[in-house]
Amino acid sequence: MSDIDNDLMFQILCSSLLMRCVLVFSGLLFCVLVTGVITDAIKDAVSRPRPGFFWRCFPDGRGFFDNVKKDVLCIGDKDVVKEGHKSFPNPKRLVSFYLFGSVVP
């Protein structure tokens, strides 16, 4: 084989390797994006409080009770309280599950 054939084979091999790397990277990026959307949707639907939710809802440590509605009033910041309800599921577990499903046929 001549040097031209060797150079052509090397270029084909490099382009094939580069294409595989691009496909793997794009697959991982897609996995992270889809998993993030699914995780946020499930967290909003399930809405199980985190362990520190009491301190998010009552920053001063005292609870307030509404006598008219017969319910507890949360006085914490609305965004902080909303994030306190997002404890399930763990996004790392969903990413590992997705990768396992995509690697194992």
Protein backbone atom coordinates (compact mmCIF):
# COMPACT_ATOMS: atom_id res chain seq x y z
CA MET A 1 0.00 0.00 0.00
CA SER A 2 1.21 3.46 -0.78
CA ASP A 3 1.44 6.45 1.51
CA ILE A 4 -1.67 7.95 -0.11
CA ASP A 5 -3.69 4.86 0.79
CA ASN A 6 -2.40 5.01 4.38
CA ASP A 7 -3.29 8.70 4.67
CA LEU A 8 -6.76 8.05 3.27
CA MET A 9 -7.33 5.17 5.70
CA PHE A 10 -6.15 7.38 8.59
CA GLN A 11 -8.55 10.17 7.57
CA ILE A 12 -11.46 7.76 7.31
CA LEU A 13 -10.62 6.28 10.72
CA CYS A 14 -10.35 9.74 12.32
CA SER A 15 -13.61 10.96 10.79
CA SER A 16 -15.38 7.78 11.94
CA LEU A 17 -13.98 8.22 15.45
CA LEU A 18 -14.98 11.88 15.49
CA MET A 19 -18.50 11.02 14.35
CA ARG A 20 -18.84 8.43 17.13
CA CYS A 21 -17.66 10.97 19.71
CA VAL A 22 -20.19 13.52 18.44
CA LEU A 23 -22.98 10.92 18.59
CA VAL A 24 -22.05 9.89 22.14
CA PHE A 25 -21.83 13.51 23.31
CA SER A 26 -25.13 14.45 21.69
CA GLY A 27 -26.75 11.38 23.23
CA LEU A 28 -25.51 12.35 26.69
CA LEU A 29 -26.69 15.93 26.19
CA PHE A 30 -30.12 14.68 25.11
CA CYS A 31 -30.19 12.39 28.15
CA VAL A 32 -29.49 15.28 30.53
CA LEU A 33 -32.09 17.55 28.93
CA VAL A 34 -34.86 14.94 28.82
CA THR A 35 -34.08 13.77 32.34
CA GLY A 36 -34.20 17.35 33.63
CA VAL A 37 -37.62 17.96 32.12
CA ILE A 38 -39.00 14.64 33.36
CA THR A 39 -37.54 15.17 36.84
CA ASP A 40 -39.07 18.63 37.22
CA ALA A 41 -42.45 17.41 36.00
CA ILE A 42 -42.46 14.50 38.46
CA LYS A 43 -41.25 16.71 41.31
CA ASP A 44 -44.06 19.20 40.68
CA ALA A 45 -46.63 16.40 40.47
CA VAL A 46 -45.50 14.45 43.56
CA SER A 47 -44.55 17.48 45.68
CA ARG A 48 -43.11 15.64 48.68
CA PRO A 49 -41.45 18.08 51.15
CA ARG A 50 -37.74 18.03 51.87
CA PRO A 51 -36.49 17.36 55.42
CA GLY A 52 -35.79 21.08 56.03
CA PHE A 53 -39.21 22.20 54.80
CA PHE A 54 -40.34 23.43 58.23
CA TRP A 55 -37.52 25.99 58.34
CA ARG A 56 -38.30 27.11 54.79
CA CYS A 57 -41.94 27.68 55.67
CA PHE A 58 -41.31 29.16 59.14
CA PRO A 59 -37.90 30.92 59.10
CA ASP A 60 -38.31 32.17 62.68
CA GLY A 61 -39.29 28.70 63.98
CA ARG A 62 -42.88 29.56 64.95
CA GLY A 63 -45.89 28.24 63.06
CA PHE A 64 -48.99 30.35 62.38
CA PHE A 65 -52.53 28.97 62.33
CA ASP A 66 -55.44 30.55 60.44
CA ASN A 67 -58.59 30.18 62.55
CA VAL A 68 -60.92 30.90 59.61
CA LYS A 69 -59.52 28.36 57.15
CA LYS A 70 -58.39 26.00 59.94
CA ASP A 71 -55.02 25.64 58.25
CA VAL A 72 -51.37 26.46 58.90
CA LEU A 73 -50.07 29.63 57.23
CA CYS A 74 -46.65 29.44 55.65
CA ILE A 75 -44.81 32.77 56.01
CA GLY A 76 -41.59 31.92 54.14
CA ASP A 77 -40.54 33.20 50.72
CA LYS A 78 -42.78 31.62 48.04
CA ASP A 79 -39.90 30.51 45.77
CA VAL A 80 -37.96 28.98 48.66
CA VAL A 81 -41.08 27.17 49.91
CA LYS A 82 -41.83 25.84 46.40
CA GLU A 83 -38.29 24.46 46.09
CA GLY A 84 -38.78 22.84 49.51
CA HIS A 85 -41.46 20.59 48.00
CA LYS A 86 -39.13 19.09 45.39
CA SER A 87 -37.45 16.15 47.06
CA PHE A 88 -38.44 13.24 44.82
CA PRO A 89 -37.03 11.82 42.50
CA ASN A 90 -33.29 12.29 42.45
CA PRO A 91 -32.08 13.43 38.98
CA LYS A 92 -28.86 11.40 39.28
CA ARG A 93 -30.89 8.21 39.57
CA LEU A 94 -32.92 9.06 36.48
CA VAL A 95 -29.77 9.81 34.45
CA SER A 96 -28.22 6.50 35.48
CA PHE A 97 -31.45 4.68 34.62
CA TYR A 98 -31.56 6.36 31.20
CA LEU A 99 -27.90 5.55 30.49
CA PHE A 100 -28.40 1.93 31.56
CA GLY A 101 -31.38 1.65 29.22
CA SER A 102 -29.48 3.18 26.32
CA VAL A 103 -26.27 1.16 26.78
CA VAL A 104 -27.82 -2.24 27.46
CA PRO A 105 -29.88 -3.36 24.44
